[in-house]
């Protein structure tokens, strides 16, 4: 049952993002920033942890969890150390992006 709830939660977030993208002039970067900010705000309100308990992995993989992790890191470790909670994800994203540029060619 948890898999179904996770799938539905993540799907709803993606549908909301797609609706915003289709009906506004916001780019993907804007929408990502908005969802990241919403995640941090929900973490501030204490709601995001309840979402993770209810929806499991579905709530912990969307971009909102990144904002929540930044908020938690800032509260627990201070502003200068807030990236310690998400540093592995950031470094792995950079490395995977670099590796993909070595493997694949960009089409013009």
Protein backbone atom coordinates (compact mmCIF):
# COMPACT_ATOMS: atom_id res chain seq x y z
CA UNK A 1 0.00 0.00 0.00
CA UNK A 2 2.90 2.35 0.75
CA UNK A 3 4.15 1.95 -2.82
CA UNK A 4 0.81 3.05 -4.21
CA UNK A 5 0.64 6.08 -1.89
CA UNK A 6 4.22 7.04 -2.80
CA UNK A 7 3.48 6.72 -6.51
CA UNK A 8 0.32 8.81 -6.24
CA UNK A 9 2.00 11.56 -4.18
CA UNK A 10 4.92 11.87 -6.58
CA UNK A 11 2.56 11.76 -9.56
CA UNK A 12 0.40 14.55 -8.13
CA UNK A 13 3.48 16.74 -7.61
CA UNK A 14 4.56 16.09 -11.21
CA UNK A 15 1.06 16.84 -12.54
CA UNK A 16 0.98 20.13 -10.65
CA UNK A 17 4.38 21.06 -12.07
CA UNK A 18 3.27 20.17 -15.60
CA UNK A 19 0.08 22.22 -15.26
CA UNK A 20 2.10 25.20 -14.05
CA UNK A 21 4.55 24.81 -16.93
CA UNK A 22 1.81 24.48 -19.56
CA UNK A 23 -0.30 27.40 -18.34
CA UNK A 24 2.32 29.97 -17.37
CA UNK A 25 5.51 31.38 -18.79
CA UNK A 26 7.58 29.90 -15.96
CA UNK A 27 10.52 27.74 -16.98
CA UNK A 28 11.49 24.42 -15.44
CA UNK A 29 14.10 26.20 -13.33
CA UNK A 30 11.48 28.54 -11.90
CA UNK A 31 9.16 25.66 -11.06
CA UNK A 32 11.99 23.71 -9.44
CA UNK A 33 12.88 26.73 -7.30
CA UNK A 34 9.25 27.18 -6.30
CA UNK A 35 8.91 23.53 -5.23
CA UNK A 36 12.21 23.68 -3.36
CA UNK A 37 10.99 26.77 -1.50
CA UNK A 38 7.67 25.08 -0.74
CA UNK A 39 9.55 22.11 0.71
CA UNK A 40 11.60 24.38 2.95
CA UNK A 41 8.45 26.22 4.05
CA UNK A 42 6.64 22.95 4.81
CA UNK A 43 9.71 21.84 6.78
CA UNK A 44 9.54 25.09 8.73
CA UNK A 45 5.89 24.44 9.54
CA UNK A 46 6.69 20.84 10.54
CA UNK A 47 4.38 19.42 7.88
CA UNK A 48 6.97 17.84 5.61
CA UNK A 49 8.04 15.19 8.13
CA UNK A 50 4.39 14.12 8.40
CA UNK A 51 4.23 13.87 4.60
CA UNK A 52 7.29 11.62 4.58
CA UNK A 53 5.76 9.39 7.27
CA UNK A 54 2.51 9.15 5.33
CA UNK A 55 3.88 8.78 1.78
CA UNK A 56 7.30 7.25 2.43
CA UNK A 57 9.78 7.38 -0.42
CA UNK A 58 7.36 9.28 -2.64
CA UNK A 59 7.78 12.35 -0.47
CA UNK A 60 11.51 11.93 0.00
CA UNK A 61 12.53 11.88 -3.67
CA UNK A 62 10.76 14.93 -5.08
CA UNK A 63 12.47 18.32 -5.26
CA UNK A 64 10.53 19.50 -2.22
CA UNK A 65 12.58 17.14 -0.06
CA UNK A 66 15.72 19.01 -1.15
CA UNK A 67 14.26 22.24 0.23
CA UNK A 68 13.29 20.46 3.41
CA UNK A 69 16.79 19.01 3.76
CA UNK A 70 18.31 22.47 3.28
CA UNK A 71 16.03 23.86 5.96
CA UNK A 72 16.82 21.04 8.39
CA UNK A 73 20.54 21.45 7.77
CA UNK A 74 20.34 25.17 8.43
CA UNK A 75 18.43 24.66 11.67
CA UNK A 76 20.60 21.81 12.97
CA UNK A 77 24.03 22.93 11.83
CA UNK A 78 23.74 26.65 11.11
CA UNK A 79 23.59 28.56 7.86
CA UNK A 80 27.18 27.83 6.81
CA UNK A 81 26.82 24.09 7.26
CA UNK A 82 23.32 23.61 5.83
CA UNK A 83 24.62 21.87 2.72
CA UNK A 84 26.11 19.04 4.78
CA UNK A 85 22.80 17.14 4.66
CA UNK A 86 22.55 17.29 0.88
CA UNK A 87 26.19 17.44 -0.18
CA UNK A 88 26.29 13.80 -1.33
CA UNK A 89 23.32 14.39 -3.62
CA UNK A 90 24.79 17.57 -5.06
CA UNK A 91 28.20 16.02 -5.70
CA UNK A 92 26.71 12.89 -7.27
CA UNK A 93 24.47 14.99 -9.55
CA UNK A 94 27.48 16.99 -10.73
CA UNK A 95 29.56 13.87 -11.31
CA UNK A 96 26.77 12.06 -13.17
CA UNK A 97 26.18 15.13 -15.35
CA UNK A 98 29.87 15.24 -16.17
CA UNK A 99 29.97 11.53 -17.00
CA UNK A 100 26.93 11.85 -19.26
CA UNK A 101 28.64 14.64 -21.21
CA UNK A 102 31.59 12.31 -21.81
CA UNK A 103 29.42 9.44 -23.00
CA UNK A 104 26.78 11.21 -25.11
CA UNK A 105 27.09 13.84 -27.83
CA UNK A 106 24.87 16.91 -27.97
CA UNK A 107 22.72 17.16 -31.09
CA UNK A 108 22.37 20.57 -32.71
